[in-house]
């Protein structure tokens, strides 16, 4: 069962902060692992060409998370 996460001490704003604010539950491995797992799953459901197109269209900070 998911539990509300405690605010991260010293966390910086950005993607992690946004994930925490929009999905405020504790996840084993942390929110970055959750995001990476979701992206790996998404990658399995789109063609290689679509995936490369997506990677070329998102900001570099986000593209770095893509598998």
C-alpha atoms as a PDB file:
ATOM      1  CA  UNK A   1       0.000   0.000   0.000  1.00  0.00           C
ATOM      2  CA  UNK A   2       1.334   3.444  -0.902  1.00  0.00           C
ATOM      3  CA  UNK A   3       1.909   5.942   1.853  1.00  0.00           C
ATOM      4  CA  UNK A   4       2.296   9.670   1.656  1.00  0.00           C
ATOM      5  CA  UNK A   5       5.949  10.543   1.392  1.00  0.00           C
ATOM      6  CA  UNK A   6       7.589  12.793   3.910  1.00  0.00           C
ATOM      7  CA  UNK A   7       8.988  15.973   2.368  1.00  0.00           C
ATOM      8  CA  UNK A   8      12.569  15.425   1.262  1.00  0.00           C
ATOM      9  CA  UNK A   9      15.018  17.453   3.265  1.00  0.00           C
ATOM     10  CA  UNK A  10      17.223  19.571   1.069  1.00  0.00           C
ATOM     11  CA  UNK A  11      15.412  18.515  -2.099  1.00  0.00           C
ATOM     12  CA  UNK A  12      15.889  20.844  -5.003  1.00  0.00           C
ATOM     13  CA  UNK A  13      13.149  22.090  -7.289  1.00  0.00           C
ATOM     14  CA  UNK A  14      12.883  20.528 -10.725  1.00  0.00           C
ATOM     15  CA  UNK A  15      11.616  17.218 -12.074  1.00  0.00           C
ATOM     16  CA  UNK A  16      11.977  15.381  -8.775  1.00  0.00           C
ATOM     17  CA  UNK A  17      10.176  18.151  -6.930  1.00  0.00           C
ATOM     18  CA  UNK A  18       7.399  18.135  -9.492  1.00  0.00           C
ATOM     19  CA  UNK A  19       6.980  14.367  -9.270  1.00  0.00           C
ATOM     20  CA  UNK A  20       6.875  14.599  -5.474  1.00  0.00           C
ATOM     21  CA  UNK A  21       4.235  17.332  -5.530  1.00  0.00           C
ATOM     22  CA  UNK A  22       2.015  15.613  -8.098  1.00  0.00           C
ATOM     23  CA  UNK A  23       2.512  12.054  -6.771  1.00  0.00           C
ATOM     24  CA  UNK A  24       3.036  12.506  -3.028  1.00  0.00           C
ATOM     25  CA  UNK A  25       3.361   8.838  -2.087  1.00  0.00           C
ATOM     26  CA  UNK A  26       6.384   6.954  -0.830  1.00  0.00           C
ATOM     27  CA  UNK A  27       7.702   4.593  -3.502  1.00  0.00           C
ATOM     28  CA  UNK A  28      10.303   1.935  -2.830  1.00  0.00           C
ATOM     29  CA  UNK A  29      13.454   3.162  -4.550  1.00  0.00           C
ATOM     30  CA  UNK A  30      12.282   6.770  -4.759  1.00  0.00           C
ATOM     31  CA  UNK A  31      10.475   8.874  -7.306  1.00  0.00           C
ATOM     32  CA  UNK A  32      13.310   8.765  -9.857  1.00  0.00           C
ATOM     33  CA  UNK A  33      13.060   4.969  -9.971  1.00  0.00           C
ATOM     34  CA  UNK A  34       9.290   5.282 -10.425  1.00  0.00           C
ATOM     35  CA  UNK A  35       9.725   7.686 -13.346  1.00  0.00           C
ATOM     36  CA  UNK A  36      12.382   5.477 -14.980  1.00  0.00           C
ATOM     37  CA  UNK A  37      10.160   2.390 -14.614  1.00  0.00           C
ATOM     38  CA  UNK A  38       7.215   4.166 -16.223  1.00  0.00           C
ATOM     39  CA  UNK A  39       9.418   5.385 -19.085  1.00  0.00           C
ATOM     40  CA  UNK A  40      10.847   1.891 -19.696  1.00  0.00           C
ATOM     41  CA  UNK A  41       7.298   0.547 -19.855  1.00  0.00           C
ATOM     42  CA  UNK A  42       6.242   3.294 -22.250  1.00  0.00           C
ATOM     43  CA  UNK A  43       9.255   2.576 -24.461  1.00  0.00           C
ATOM     44  CA  UNK A  44       8.066  -1.025 -24.901  1.00  0.00           C
ATOM     45  CA  UNK A  45       4.769   0.187 -26.350  1.00  0.00           C
ATOM     46  CA  UNK A  46       6.007   2.572 -29.054  1.00  0.00           C
ATOM     47  CA  UNK A  47       8.108   1.959 -32.147  1.00  0.00           C
ATOM     48  CA  UNK A  48      11.838   2.715 -32.153  1.00  0.00           C
ATOM     49  CA  UNK A  49      11.225   5.596 -34.567  1.00  0.00           C
ATOM     50  CA  UNK A  50       8.537   7.116 -32.354  1.00  0.00           C
ATOM     51  CA  UNK A  51      10.815   6.778 -29.337  1.00  0.00           C
ATOM     52  CA  UNK A  52      13.688   8.555 -31.091  1.00  0.00           C
ATOM     53  CA  UNK A  53      11.299  11.286 -32.218  1.00  0.00           C
ATOM     54  CA  UNK A  54      10.092  11.727 -28.638  1.00  0.00           C
ATOM     55  CA  UNK A  55      13.666  11.911 -27.336  1.00  0.00           C
ATOM     56  CA  UNK A  56      14.500  14.594 -29.901  1.00  0.00           C
ATOM     57  CA  UNK A  57      11.504  16.738 -28.909  1.00  0.00           C
ATOM     58  CA  UNK A  58      11.809  16.878 -25.116  1.00  0.00           C
ATOM     59  CA  UNK A  59      14.155  19.094 -23.082  1.00  0.00           C
ATOM     60  CA  UNK A  60      17.650  17.650 -22.547  1.00  0.00           C
ATOM     61  CA  UNK A  61      17.073  17.380 -18.802  1.00  0.00           C
ATOM     62  CA  UNK A  62      14.115  15.087 -19.457  1.00  0.00           C
ATOM     63  CA  UNK A  63      15.698  13.240 -22.388  1.00  0.00           C
ATOM     64  CA  UNK A  64      18.509  12.189 -20.038  1.00  0.00           C
ATOM     65  CA  UNK A  65      15.953  10.091 -18.112  1.00  0.00           C
ATOM     66  CA  UNK A  66      14.755   8.262 -21.211  1.00  0.00           C
ATOM     67  CA  UNK A  67      16.135   4.746 -21.731  1.00  0.00           C
END
